[in-house]
Amino acid sequence: MMKNILFIAFAALFLTGCQVFKKQDSTAILKSKLSTQNKMPVTSLTTPSKQLQLNTPPTSDKIQSFQWKDCLAPLIHKILCLPEITRGDVLLVDNIQNQTNGNLQVYAATAELQKALKQSNTFNLVPITKITLAKQYLGLSAEDILGSRRKAIDLGHILNAQYVLYSTAAGEVHSPHIIMQLMLVKTGEIIWHGEGTVSH
């Protein structure tokens, strides 16, 4: 009888001890995990932000803007002061050609040139529609520029213009300069030449 009681008591103590050890083991494992998380290197937390910075697309270069008017105004003034020019002369103005060392958008310069000449009330500018038709007659598209002075003179003859203003943008694309030549259609002679630097 006594042996049975001792056996039961010993078994009870053994089971209780196992539960205590299990609780201690689980608690120790939990603490170990928490301490491991607290000891995680800072770089692992900052890695996502670094990845975001790497994945951010680069900022595009600032678009170049030029003060075409400031460059063209003095050149146009010199043309208007030429003794050969009389009020009402017919002038052919073609698109300014880009001969810089890069991709320069010269459409704004051409528009500013035509606008200033119209406002001068000195020349009768050949309408763009007529220029387009004449280019088609020469086998050119409306967007084509007159790549040579000879073509410009030929176009001037077809359109019954008295003068052709042949203009190019040359030099560095970030600091171009404008070169103008006023040609007499009848003879092909260059009666005036001028240059101007374009500022930002």
C-alpha atoms as a PDB file:
ATOM      1  CA  MET A   1       0.000   0.000   0.000  1.00  0.00           C
ATOM      2  CA  MET A   2       2.740   2.372   0.991  1.00  0.00           C
ATOM      3  CA  LYS A   3       4.604   1.576  -2.233  1.00  0.00           C
ATOM      4  CA  ASN A   4       1.555   2.480  -4.266  1.00  0.00           C
ATOM      5  CA  ILE A   5       1.231   5.825  -2.512  1.00  0.00           C
ATOM      6  CA  LEU A   6       4.891   6.622  -3.058  1.00  0.00           C
ATOM      7  CA  PHE A   7       4.626   5.636  -6.731  1.00  0.00           C
ATOM      8  CA  ILE A   8       1.609   7.898  -7.264  1.00  0.00           C
ATOM      9  CA  ALA A   9       3.318  10.799  -5.492  1.00  0.00           C
ATOM     10  CA  PHE A  10       6.508  10.336  -7.511  1.00  0.00           C
ATOM     11  CA  ALA A  11       4.530  10.208 -10.760  1.00  0.00           C
ATOM     12  CA  ALA A  12       2.675  13.403  -9.828  1.00  0.00           C
ATOM     13  CA  LEU A  13       5.933  15.225  -9.104  1.00  0.00           C
ATOM     14  CA  PHE A  14       7.453  13.995 -12.371  1.00  0.00           C
ATOM     15  CA  LEU A  15       4.514  15.236 -14.471  1.00  0.00           C
ATOM     16  CA  THR A  16       4.515  18.594 -12.686  1.00  0.00           C
ATOM     17  CA  GLY A  17       8.210  18.985 -13.386  1.00  0.00           C
ATOM     18  CA  CYS A  18       7.735  18.251 -17.070  1.00  0.00           C
ATOM     19  CA  GLN A  19       5.106  20.955 -17.349  1.00  0.00           C
ATOM     20  CA  VAL A  20       7.393  23.428 -15.606  1.00  0.00           C
ATOM     21  CA  PHE A  21      10.255  22.575 -17.935  1.00  0.00           C
ATOM     22  CA  LYS A  22       7.959  22.845 -20.955  1.00  0.00           C
ATOM     23  CA  LYS A  23       6.816  26.284 -19.856  1.00  0.00           C
ATOM     24  CA  GLN A  24      10.393  27.364 -19.226  1.00  0.00           C
ATOM     25  CA  ASP A  25      11.517  25.989 -22.570  1.00  0.00           C
ATOM     26  CA  SER A  26       8.728  27.727 -24.502  1.00  0.00           C
ATOM     27  CA  THR A  27       9.355  30.975 -22.632  1.00  0.00           C
ATOM     28  CA  ALA A  28      13.058  30.756 -23.370  1.00  0.00           C
ATOM     29  CA  ILE A  29      12.394  30.132 -27.072  1.00  0.00           C
ATOM     30  CA  LEU A  30      10.029  33.125 -27.254  1.00  0.00           C
ATOM     31  CA  LYS A  31      12.563  35.374 -25.517  1.00  0.00           C
ATOM     32  CA  SER A  32      15.258  34.115 -27.835  1.00  0.00           C
ATOM     33  CA  LYS A  33      13.154  34.997 -30.905  1.00  0.00           C
ATOM     34  CA  LEU A  34      12.358  38.451 -29.547  1.00  0.00           C
ATOM     35  CA  SER A  35      15.979  39.156 -28.746  1.00  0.00           C
ATOM     36  CA  THR A  36      16.970  37.998 -32.219  1.00  0.00           C
ATOM     37  CA  GLN A  37      14.465  40.410 -33.802  1.00  0.00           C
ATOM     38  CA  ASN A  38      15.714  43.260 -31.638  1.00  0.00           C
ATOM     39  CA  LYS A  39      19.272  42.507 -32.684  1.00  0.00           C
ATOM     40  CA  MET A  40      18.436  42.554 -36.422  1.00  0.00           C
ATOM     41  CA  PRO A  41      20.858  44.830 -38.253  1.00  0.00           C
ATOM     42  CA  VAL A  42      19.604  48.297 -39.148  1.00  0.00           C
ATOM     43  CA  THR A  43      20.509  47.717 -42.780  1.00  0.00           C
ATOM     44  CA  SER A  44      17.821  45.076 -43.092  1.00  0.00           C
ATOM     45  CA  LEU A  45      15.239  47.656 -42.071  1.00  0.00           C
ATOM     46  CA  THR A  46      16.566  50.343 -44.369  1.00  0.00           C
ATOM     47  CA  THR A  47      16.989  48.064 -47.389  1.00  0.00           C
ATOM     48  CA  PRO A  48      13.452  48.675 -48.757  1.00  0.00           C
ATOM     49  CA  SER A  49      13.984  52.441 -48.762  1.00  0.00           C
ATOM     50  CA  LYS A  50      17.284  51.976 -50.569  1.00  0.00           C
ATOM     51  CA  GLN A  51      15.551  49.821 -53.140  1.00  0.00           C
ATOM     52  CA  LEU A  52      12.941  52.494 -53.623  1.00  0.00           C
ATOM     53  CA  GLN A  53      15.658  55.062 -54.197  1.00  0.00           C
ATOM     54  CA  LEU A  54      17.337  52.824 -56.747  1.00  0.00           C
ATOM     55  CA  ASN A  55      14.073  52.147 -58.559  1.00  0.00           C
ATOM     56  CA  THR A  56      13.146  55.842 -58.759  1.00  0.00           C
ATOM     57  CA  PRO A  57      13.499  57.000 -62.383  1.00  0.00           C
ATOM     58  CA  PRO A  58      16.200  59.618 -62.936  1.00  0.00           C
ATOM     59  CA  THR A  59      15.116  63.227 -63.217  1.00  0.00           C
ATOM     60  CA  SER A  60      14.992  64.323 -66.837  1.00  0.00           C
ATOM     61  CA  ASP A  61      17.276  67.089 -67.986  1.00  0.00           C
ATOM     62  CA  LYS A  62      15.847  70.557 -67.921  1.00  0.00           C
ATOM     63  CA  ILE A  63      14.425  71.550 -71.272  1.00  0.00           C
ATOM     64  CA  GLN A  64      16.476  74.233 -72.970  1.00  0.00           C
ATOM     65  CA  SER A  65      14.637  77.502 -73.536  1.00  0.00           C
ATOM     66  CA  PHE A  66      16.156  80.262 -75.652  1.00  0.00           C
ATOM     67  CA  GLN A  67      15.394  83.951 -76.032  1.00  0.00           C
ATOM     68  CA  TRP A  68      14.968  83.843 -79.805  1.00  0.00           C
ATOM     69  CA  LYS A  69      13.347  87.265 -79.943  1.00  0.00           C
ATOM     70  CA  ASP A  70      16.332  88.990 -78.331  1.00  0.00           C
ATOM     71  CA  CYS A  71      18.629  87.495 -80.951  1.00  0.00           C
ATOM     72  CA  LEU A  72      16.420  88.022 -83.998  1.00  0.00           C
ATOM     73  CA  ALA A  73      15.229  91.580 -83.316  1.00  0.00           C
ATOM     74  CA  PRO A  74      18.574  93.345 -84.014  1.00  0.00           C
ATOM     75  CA  LEU A  75      19.130  91.280 -87.162  1.00  0.00           C
ATOM     76  CA  ILE A  76      15.683  92.089 -88.506  1.00  0.00           C
ATOM     77  CA  HIS A  77      16.234  95.777 -87.740  1.00  0.00           C
ATOM     78  CA  LYS A  78      19.403  95.732 -89.863  1.00  0.00           C
ATOM     79  CA  ILE A  79      17.506  94.145 -92.766  1.00  0.00           C
ATOM     80  CA  LEU A  80      14.772  96.753 -92.604  1.00  0.00           C
ATOM     81  CA  CYS A  81      17.382  99.522 -92.721  1.00  0.00           C
ATOM     82  CA  LEU A  82      18.944  98.284 -95.976  1.00  0.00           C
ATOM     83  CA  PRO A  83      18.645 100.890 -98.776  1.00  0.00           C
ATOM     84  CA  GLU A  84      17.580  98.185-101.271  1.00  0.00           C
ATOM     85  CA  ILE A  85      14.456  97.352 -99.269  1.00  0.00           C
ATOM     86  CA  THR A  86      11.229  99.126-100.108  1.00  0.00           C
ATOM     87  CA  ARG A  87       7.839  98.785 -98.530  1.00  0.00           C
ATOM     88  CA  GLY A  88       5.778  95.994-100.055  1.00  0.00           C
ATOM     89  CA  ASP A  89       8.677  93.817-101.286  1.00  0.00           C
ATOM     90  CA  VAL A  90       7.802  90.116-101.436  1.00  0.00           C
ATOM     91  CA  LEU A  91       9.935  88.047 -99.069  1.00  0.00           C
ATOM     92  CA  LEU A  92      10.237  84.264 -98.843  1.00  0.00           C
ATOM     93  CA  VAL A  93      11.116  83.073 -95.330  1.00  0.00           C
ATOM     94  CA  ASP A  94      11.941  79.396 -95.037  1.00  0.00           C
ATOM     95  CA  ASN A  95      12.334  77.381 -91.846  1.00  0.00           C
ATOM     96  CA  ILE A  96      15.530  78.019 -89.927  1.00  0.00           C
ATOM     97  CA  GLN A  97      17.903  75.106 -90.466  1.00  0.00           C
ATOM     98  CA  ASN A  98      19.559  73.320 -87.559  1.00  0.00           C
ATOM     99  CA  GLN A  99      23.287  72.970 -88.204  1.00  0.00           C
ATOM    100  CA  THR A 100      24.346  72.723 -84.566  1.00  0.00           C
ATOM    101  CA  ASN A 101      26.052  69.688 -83.063  1.00  0.00           C
ATOM    102  CA  GLY A 102      22.828  68.432 -81.471  1.00  0.00           C
ATOM    103  CA  ASN A 103      19.051  68.216 -81.626  1.00  0.00           C
ATOM    104  CA  LEU A 104      17.805  71.807 -81.540  1.00  0.00           C
ATOM    105  CA  GLN A 105      14.104  72.624 -81.818  1.00  0.00           C
ATOM    106  CA  VAL A 106      14.145  75.578 -84.223  1.00  0.00           C
ATOM    107  CA  TYR A 107      10.402  75.718 -84.888  1.00  0.00           C
ATOM    108  CA  ALA A 108       9.977  78.364 -82.211  1.00  0.00           C
ATOM    109  CA  ALA A 109      12.760  80.422 -83.786  1.00  0.00           C
ATOM    110  CA  THR A 110      11.145  80.241 -87.231  1.00  0.00           C
ATOM    111  CA  ALA A 111       7.765  81.253 -85.815  1.00  0.00           C
ATOM    112  CA  GLU A 112       9.346  84.195 -83.962  1.00  0.00           C
ATOM    113  CA  LEU A 113      11.171  85.288 -87.122  1.00  0.00           C
ATOM    114  CA  GLN A 114       8.034  85.247 -89.250  1.00  0.00           C
ATOM    115  CA  LYS A 115       6.053  87.028 -86.538  1.00  0.00           C
ATOM    116  CA  ALA A 116       8.602  89.845 -86.222  1.00  0.00           C
ATOM    117  CA  LEU A 117       8.781  90.359 -89.984  1.00  0.00           C
ATOM    118  CA  LYS A 118       5.000  90.542 -90.267  1.00  0.00           C
ATOM    119  CA  GLN A 119       4.813  93.091 -87.474  1.00  0.00           C
ATOM    120  CA  SER A 120       7.357  95.276 -89.243  1.00  0.00           C
ATOM    121  CA  ASN A 121       4.788  96.025 -91.972  1.00  0.00           C
ATOM    122  CA  THR A 122       7.609  96.266 -94.507  1.00  0.00           C
ATOM    123  CA  PHE A 123       7.563  92.963 -96.363  1.00  0.00           C
ATOM    124  CA  ASN A 124       4.771  90.943 -97.888  1.00  0.00           C
ATOM    125  CA  LEU A 125       5.605  87.458 -96.674  1.00  0.00           C
ATOM    126  CA  VAL A 126       4.829  84.532 -98.972  1.00  0.00           C
ATOM    127  CA  PRO A 127       1.991  82.544 -97.319  1.00  0.00           C
ATOM    128  CA  ILE A 128       2.882  79.140 -95.917  1.00  0.00           C
ATOM    129  CA  THR A 129       0.231  77.467 -98.085  1.00  0.00           C
ATOM    130  CA  LYS A 130       1.922  78.720-101.245  1.00  0.00           C
ATOM    131  CA  ILE A 131       5.328  77.646 -99.960  1.00  0.00           C
ATOM    132  CA  THR A 132       3.958  74.143 -99.372  1.00  0.00           C
ATOM    133  CA  LEU A 133       2.598  73.893-102.915  1.00  0.00           C
ATOM    134  CA  ALA A 134       5.853  75.161-104.375  1.00  0.00           C
ATOM    135  CA  LYS A 135       7.847  72.616-102.373  1.00  0.00           C
ATOM    136  CA  GLN A 136       5.633  69.857-103.723  1.00  0.00           C
ATOM    137  CA  TYR A 137       6.356  71.117-107.229  1.00  0.00           C
ATOM    138  CA  LEU A 138      10.083  70.740-106.478  1.00  0.00           C
ATOM    139  CA  GLY A 139       9.514  67.242-105.082  1.00  0.00           C
ATOM    140  CA  LEU A 140       9.845  68.294-101.435  1.00  0.00           C
ATOM    141  CA  SER A 141       7.490  67.718 -98.519  1.00  0.00           C
ATOM    142  CA  ALA A 142       6.008  70.585 -96.536  1.00  0.00           C
ATOM    143  CA  GLU A 143       8.370  69.824 -93.629  1.00  0.00           C
ATOM    144  CA  ASP A 144      11.519  69.786 -95.765  1.00  0.00           C
ATOM    145  CA  ILE A 145      13.905  72.677 -95.389  1.00  0.00           C
ATOM    146  CA  LEU A 146      15.708  74.220 -98.326  1.00  0.00           C
ATOM    147  CA  GLY A 147      19.061  72.525 -97.865  1.00  0.00           C
ATOM    148  CA  SER A 148      20.880  74.771-100.312  1.00  0.00           C
ATOM    149  CA  ARG A 149      20.759  78.367-101.446  1.00  0.00           C
ATOM    150  CA  ARG A 150      20.120  77.174-105.000  1.00  0.00           C
ATOM    151  CA  LYS A 151      16.886  75.469-103.911  1.00  0.00           C
ATOM    152  CA  ALA A 152      15.894  78.587-101.997  1.00  0.00           C
ATOM    153  CA  ILE A 153      16.388  80.733-105.089  1.00  0.00           C
ATOM    154  CA  ASP A 154      14.457  78.255-107.261  1.00  0.00           C
ATOM    155  CA  LEU A 155      11.582  78.360-104.788  1.00  0.00           C
ATOM    156  CA  GLY A 156      11.716  82.150-104.805  1.00  0.00           C
ATOM    157  CA  HIS A 157      11.369  82.189-108.616  1.00  0.00           C
ATOM    158  CA  ILE A 158       8.344  79.892-108.496  1.00  0.00           C
ATOM    159  CA  LEU A 159       6.654  82.081-105.855  1.00  0.00           C
ATOM    160  CA  ASN A 160       7.551  85.386-107.567  1.00  0.00           C
ATOM    161  CA  ALA A 161       9.419  86.539-104.467  1.00  0.00           C
ATOM    162  CA  GLN A 162      11.939  89.358-104.687  1.00  0.00           C
ATOM    163  CA  TYR A 163      14.018  88.251-101.715  1.00  0.00           C
ATOM    164  CA  VAL A 164      14.758  85.046 -99.847  1.00  0.00           C
ATOM    165  CA  LEU A 165      15.832  85.036 -96.209  1.00  0.00           C
ATOM    166  CA  TYR A 166      18.063  82.006 -95.690  1.00  0.00           C
ATOM    167  CA  SER A 167      18.749  81.302 -91.987  1.00  0.00           C
ATOM    168  CA  THR A 168      20.641  78.651 -90.048  1.00  0.00           C
ATOM    169  CA  ALA A 169      21.373  77.873 -86.394  1.00  0.00           C
ATOM    170  CA  ALA A 170      24.975  76.772 -85.922  1.00  0.00           C
ATOM    171  CA  GLY A 171      27.586  76.092 -83.244  1.00  0.00           C
ATOM    172  CA  GLU A 172      27.020  74.391 -79.908  1.00  0.00           C
ATOM    173  CA  VAL A 173      23.471  73.162 -79.350  1.00  0.00           C
ATOM    174  CA  HIS A 174      23.459  74.658 -75.821  1.00  0.00           C
ATOM    175  CA  SER A 175      24.620  78.083 -77.038  1.00  0.00           C
ATOM    176  CA  PRO A 176      23.774  78.396 -80.736  1.00  0.00           C
ATOM    177  CA  HIS A 177      24.078  81.425 -82.949  1.00  0.00           C
ATOM    178  CA  ILE A 178      21.865  82.470 -85.851  1.00  0.00           C
ATOM    179  CA  ILE A 179      23.307  83.135 -89.314  1.00  0.00           C
ATOM    180  CA  MET A 180      21.134  85.036 -91.800  1.00  0.00           C
ATOM    181  CA  GLN A 181      21.577  85.745 -95.490  1.00  0.00           C
ATOM    182  CA  LEU A 182      19.242  87.933 -97.498  1.00  0.00           C
ATOM    183  CA  MET A 183      19.390  86.968-101.169  1.00  0.00           C
ATOM    184  CA  LEU A 184      18.086  88.699-104.244  1.00  0.00           C
ATOM    185  CA  VAL A 185      16.024  86.161-106.172  1.00  0.00           C
ATOM    186  CA  LYS A 186      16.640  87.734-109.574  1.00  0.00           C
ATOM    187  CA  THR A 187      20.412  87.276-109.447  1.00  0.00           C
ATOM    188  CA  GLY A 188      20.983  84.924-106.481  1.00  0.00           C
ATOM    189  CA  GLU A 189      23.269  87.549-104.952  1.00  0.00           C
ATOM    190  CA  ILE A 190      23.662  87.747-101.175  1.00  0.00           C
ATOM    191  CA  ILE A 191      22.988  91.410-100.439  1.00  0.00           C
ATOM    192  CA  TRP A 192      23.224  91.153 -96.641  1.00  0.00           C
ATOM    193  CA  HIS A 193      24.746  88.810 -94.074  1.00  0.00           C
ATOM    194  CA  GLY A 194      24.367  88.892 -90.303  1.00  0.00           C
ATOM    195  CA  GLU A 195      24.923  86.797 -87.172  1.00  0.00           C
ATOM    196  CA  GLY A 196      23.578  86.843 -83.634  1.00  0.00           C
ATOM    197  CA  THR A 197      24.120  84.817 -80.464  1.00  0.00           C
ATOM    198  CA  VAL A 198      21.111  83.213 -78.808  1.00  0.00           C
ATOM    199  CA  SER A 199      20.825  83.616 -75.033  1.00  0.00           C
ATOM    200  CA  HIS A 200      18.911  81.537 -72.486  1.00  0.00           C
END
